[in-house]
Protein backbone atom coordinates (compact mmCIF):
# COMPACT_ATOMS: atom_id res chain seq x y z
CA MET A 1 -68.38 -37.96 -30.89
CA PHE A 2 -69.20 -35.05 -28.54
CA ALA A 3 -70.24 -32.87 -31.48
CA ARG A 4 -73.90 -33.97 -31.20
CA PHE A 5 -74.06 -33.74 -27.41
CA THR A 6 -75.82 -30.85 -25.71
CA GLN A 7 -73.68 -28.90 -23.26
CA ASP A 8 -75.44 -30.43 -20.24
CA ALA A 9 -75.18 -33.99 -21.57
CA ARG A 10 -71.50 -33.41 -22.22
CA ARG A 11 -71.06 -32.11 -18.66
CA ALA A 12 -72.72 -35.28 -17.30
CA VAL A 13 -70.32 -37.56 -19.21
CA VAL A 14 -67.30 -35.47 -18.16
CA LYS A 15 -68.49 -35.54 -14.53
CA ALA A 16 -68.80 -39.33 -14.72
CA GLY A 17 -65.26 -39.55 -16.17
CA ILE A 18 -63.83 -37.39 -13.39
CA LEU A 19 -65.61 -39.55 -10.80
CA ALA A 20 -64.12 -42.68 -12.38
CA LEU A 21 -60.63 -41.18 -12.38
CA ASP A 22 -61.03 -40.09 -8.75
CA ALA A 23 -62.16 -43.59 -7.78
CA GLY A 24 -59.13 -45.10 -9.52
CA ARG A 25 -61.27 -47.16 -11.87
CA PRO A 26 -59.61 -48.54 -15.01
CA ALA A 27 -62.68 -47.69 -17.12
CA LEU A 28 -65.83 -45.58 -17.02
CA ASP A 29 -68.80 -47.82 -16.31
CA ALA A 30 -72.57 -47.33 -16.40
CA ASP A 31 -72.99 -46.85 -12.65
CA LEU A 32 -70.79 -43.77 -12.76
CA MET A 33 -72.63 -42.56 -15.87
CA LEU A 34 -75.81 -42.70 -13.78
CA LEU A 35 -74.10 -40.84 -10.93
CA GLY A 36 -72.89 -38.20 -13.40
CA LEU A 37 -76.47 -37.78 -14.65
CA ALA A 38 -77.77 -37.54 -11.08
CA GLU A 39 -75.22 -34.88 -10.14
CA VAL A 40 -75.47 -32.73 -13.27
CA ARG A 41 -79.21 -33.34 -13.97
CA PRO A 42 -79.12 -32.49 -17.69
CA PHE A 43 -82.91 -32.81 -17.91
CA ALA A 44 -86.06 -31.49 -16.23
CA LEU A 45 -87.76 -34.78 -15.39
CA SER A 46 -89.93 -34.57 -12.28
CA SER A 47 -90.12 -38.38 -12.04
CA PHE A 48 -86.33 -38.64 -11.69
CA THR A 49 -86.61 -38.36 -7.92
CA ALA A 50 -83.24 -39.87 -7.01
CA SER A 51 -80.81 -37.32 -5.64
CA ALA A 52 -77.08 -37.47 -6.25
CA VAL A 53 -76.67 -38.55 -2.61
CA ASP A 54 -79.12 -41.46 -3.15
CA VAL A 55 -77.25 -42.68 -6.22
CA ARG A 56 -73.81 -42.12 -4.65
CA ALA A 57 -74.83 -44.33 -1.70
CA ARG A 58 -75.50 -47.20 -4.12
CA VAL A 59 -72.39 -46.77 -6.31
CA ASP A 60 -68.95 -47.87 -5.14
CA ILE A 61 -66.62 -44.93 -5.70
CA GLY A 62 -64.10 -45.76 -3.01
CA ASP A 63 -63.50 -43.86 0.20
CA ALA A 64 -60.26 -41.95 -0.31
CA ARG A 65 -61.59 -38.97 1.66
CA ALA A 66 -61.82 -40.90 4.93
CA LEU A 67 -58.37 -42.41 4.52
CA LEU A 68 -56.74 -39.07 3.67
CA ALA A 69 -58.65 -37.28 6.46
CA THR A 70 -56.98 -39.56 9.00
CA LEU A 71 -53.68 -38.19 7.71
CA GLY A 72 -54.92 -34.59 7.97
CA ILE A 73 -55.32 -34.11 4.22
CA ASP A 74 -58.44 -32.39 2.83
CA LEU A 75 -59.09 -33.97 -0.57
CA ASP A 76 -61.64 -31.31 -1.57
CA GLN A 77 -59.09 -28.56 -0.98
CA ILE A 78 -56.50 -30.39 -3.07
CA HIS A 79 -59.00 -30.82 -5.92
CA ARG A 80 -59.91 -27.13 -5.82
CA ARG A 81 -56.25 -26.15 -6.11
CA THR A 82 -55.09 -28.65 -8.70
CA ARG A 83 -58.17 -29.10 -10.86
CA ALA A 84 -59.38 -25.58 -11.47
CA GLY A 85 -61.11 -25.55 -14.85
CA THR A 86 -60.48 -29.20 -15.70
CA ASP A 87 -64.20 -30.00 -15.58
CA ASP A 88 -64.87 -27.72 -18.56
CA PRO A 89 -66.55 -29.98 -21.18
CA ARG A 90 -64.78 -28.13 -24.01
CA LEU A 91 -61.47 -29.58 -22.81
CA TRP A 92 -62.69 -33.18 -23.08
CA ARG A 93 -63.05 -35.40 -26.15
CA LEU A 94 -64.87 -38.67 -26.70
CA ARG A 95 -63.32 -40.70 -29.51
CA ARG A 96 -63.71 -44.10 -31.10
CA SER A 97 -60.51 -45.97 -31.94
CA ARG A 98 -59.87 -46.42 -35.65
CA LEU A 99 -58.08 -49.72 -35.11
CA ARG A 100 -60.55 -51.07 -32.54
CA PRO A 101 -63.99 -49.68 -33.43
CA LEU A 102 -65.57 -51.07 -30.25
CA ARG A 103 -63.20 -49.04 -28.07
CA VAL A 104 -64.41 -45.58 -27.08
CA THR A 105 -62.18 -43.42 -24.89
CA LEU A 106 -62.78 -40.20 -22.97
CA TYR A 107 -59.75 -37.87 -23.22
CA GLY A 108 -59.27 -34.85 -21.00
CA PRO A 109 -56.81 -32.77 -19.00
CA LEU A 110 -56.87 -35.31 -16.15
CA GLY A 111 -56.03 -38.27 -18.39
CA GLN A 112 -57.72 -40.77 -20.64
CA LEU A 113 -60.33 -43.30 -19.67
CA PRO A 114 -61.78 -46.07 -21.83
CA LEU A 115 -65.51 -46.65 -21.61
CA ALA A 116 -66.50 -50.04 -20.28
CA MET A 117 -68.93 -52.11 -22.33
CA HIS A 118 -72.10 -50.87 -20.61
CA ALA A 119 -71.07 -47.19 -20.71
CA ARG A 120 -70.18 -47.49 -24.39
CA LYS A 121 -73.56 -49.09 -25.03
CA THR A 122 -75.21 -46.16 -23.24
CA ILE A 123 -73.48 -43.72 -25.58
CA GLU A 124 -74.32 -45.82 -28.66
CA VAL A 125 -78.04 -45.99 -27.77
CA ALA A 126 -78.11 -42.25 -27.01
CA MET A 127 -76.58 -41.51 -30.42
CA TRP A 128 -78.73 -44.01 -32.29
CA ARG A 129 -81.40 -41.54 -33.42
CA PRO A 130 -80.47 -38.44 -35.40
CA GLY A 131 -80.43 -35.14 -33.59
CA PRO A 132 -78.74 -33.85 -30.47
CA VAL A 133 -77.80 -36.20 -27.64
CA THR A 134 -79.58 -34.90 -24.54
CA GLY A 135 -79.69 -35.99 -20.93
CA GLU A 136 -82.93 -37.84 -21.61
CA ARG A 137 -81.21 -39.82 -24.34
CA LEU A 138 -78.34 -40.73 -22.04
CA LEU A 139 -80.91 -41.90 -19.51
CA TRP A 140 -82.57 -43.92 -22.28
CA GLY A 141 -79.20 -45.51 -23.06
CA LEU A 142 -78.74 -46.46 -19.42
CA LEU A 143 -82.22 -47.95 -19.07
CA ALA A 144 -82.08 -49.77 -22.43
CA ASP A 145 -79.36 -52.09 -21.14
CA HIS A 146 -80.92 -54.21 -18.41
CA ALA A 147 -77.59 -55.78 -17.47
CA ASN A 148 -75.83 -52.59 -16.32
CA GLY A 149 -77.68 -52.20 -13.01
CA ALA A 150 -78.87 -48.62 -13.58
CA ALA A 151 -82.54 -49.58 -13.30
CA ARG A 152 -81.85 -51.44 -10.06
CA ILE A 153 -80.01 -48.45 -8.58
CA LEU A 154 -82.85 -46.09 -9.52
CA ARG A 155 -85.50 -48.49 -8.20
CA GLU A 156 -83.61 -48.81 -4.89
CA ALA A 157 -83.41 -45.01 -4.72
CA GLY A 158 -87.20 -44.83 -4.91
CA VAL A 159 -87.69 -43.86 -8.56
CA ASP A 160 -90.87 -45.03 -10.28
CA LEU A 161 -89.29 -46.40 -13.45
CA SER A 162 -92.50 -46.69 -15.48
CA ALA A 163 -93.34 -43.03 -14.79
CA LEU A 164 -89.77 -42.03 -15.64
CA VAL A 165 -89.87 -43.94 -18.93
CA ARG A 166 -93.18 -42.31 -19.88
CA GLU A 167 -92.08 -38.79 -18.95
CA ALA A 168 -88.72 -39.07 -20.73
CA GLY A 169 -90.36 -40.47 -23.88
CA ILE A 170 -88.23 -43.60 -23.79
CA PRO A 171 -89.58 -46.33 -26.08
CA ALA A 172 -91.00 -49.04 -23.80
CA ARG A 173 -90.75 -51.78 -26.38
CA ARG A 174 -88.99 -52.23 -29.65
CA THR A 175 -91.01 -52.65 -32.79
CA ALA A 176 -89.59 -54.26 -35.89
């Protein structure tokens, strides 16, 4: 499935998967997809004013750093030593199960992670139109699903959603 993704869009999905694995989540969900987009920024949208810090403050990714710091363990140093090169998008695959077509899983050197319903829907919407899957399309997939909370997170972070939708070229309404 990654064949149509641009390199930056692929990096954003891989970053979201690594964040989910670090947080100990059983699946990759839409909130971490949004955080991956905010950290990688695979687009040049001036109306996407939320920083990665703003989004991270609104997404629950656990607090393993504080717990390990009390024991004298630097988690960043451990990640640098043990994960060198594992964030390379070429090492990761996104595949749909043949037996369960609604199951999409992200496979990589750090493990495998199924996509939760809202994250899978984000990928499906981004791949809906022919052509390459860009960061703007991933953002479109996040904003198309009103139940995943991405719009709420962006609004709370101070993003003008109507300006973002216009600038990204996201269809505002569906025509039959």
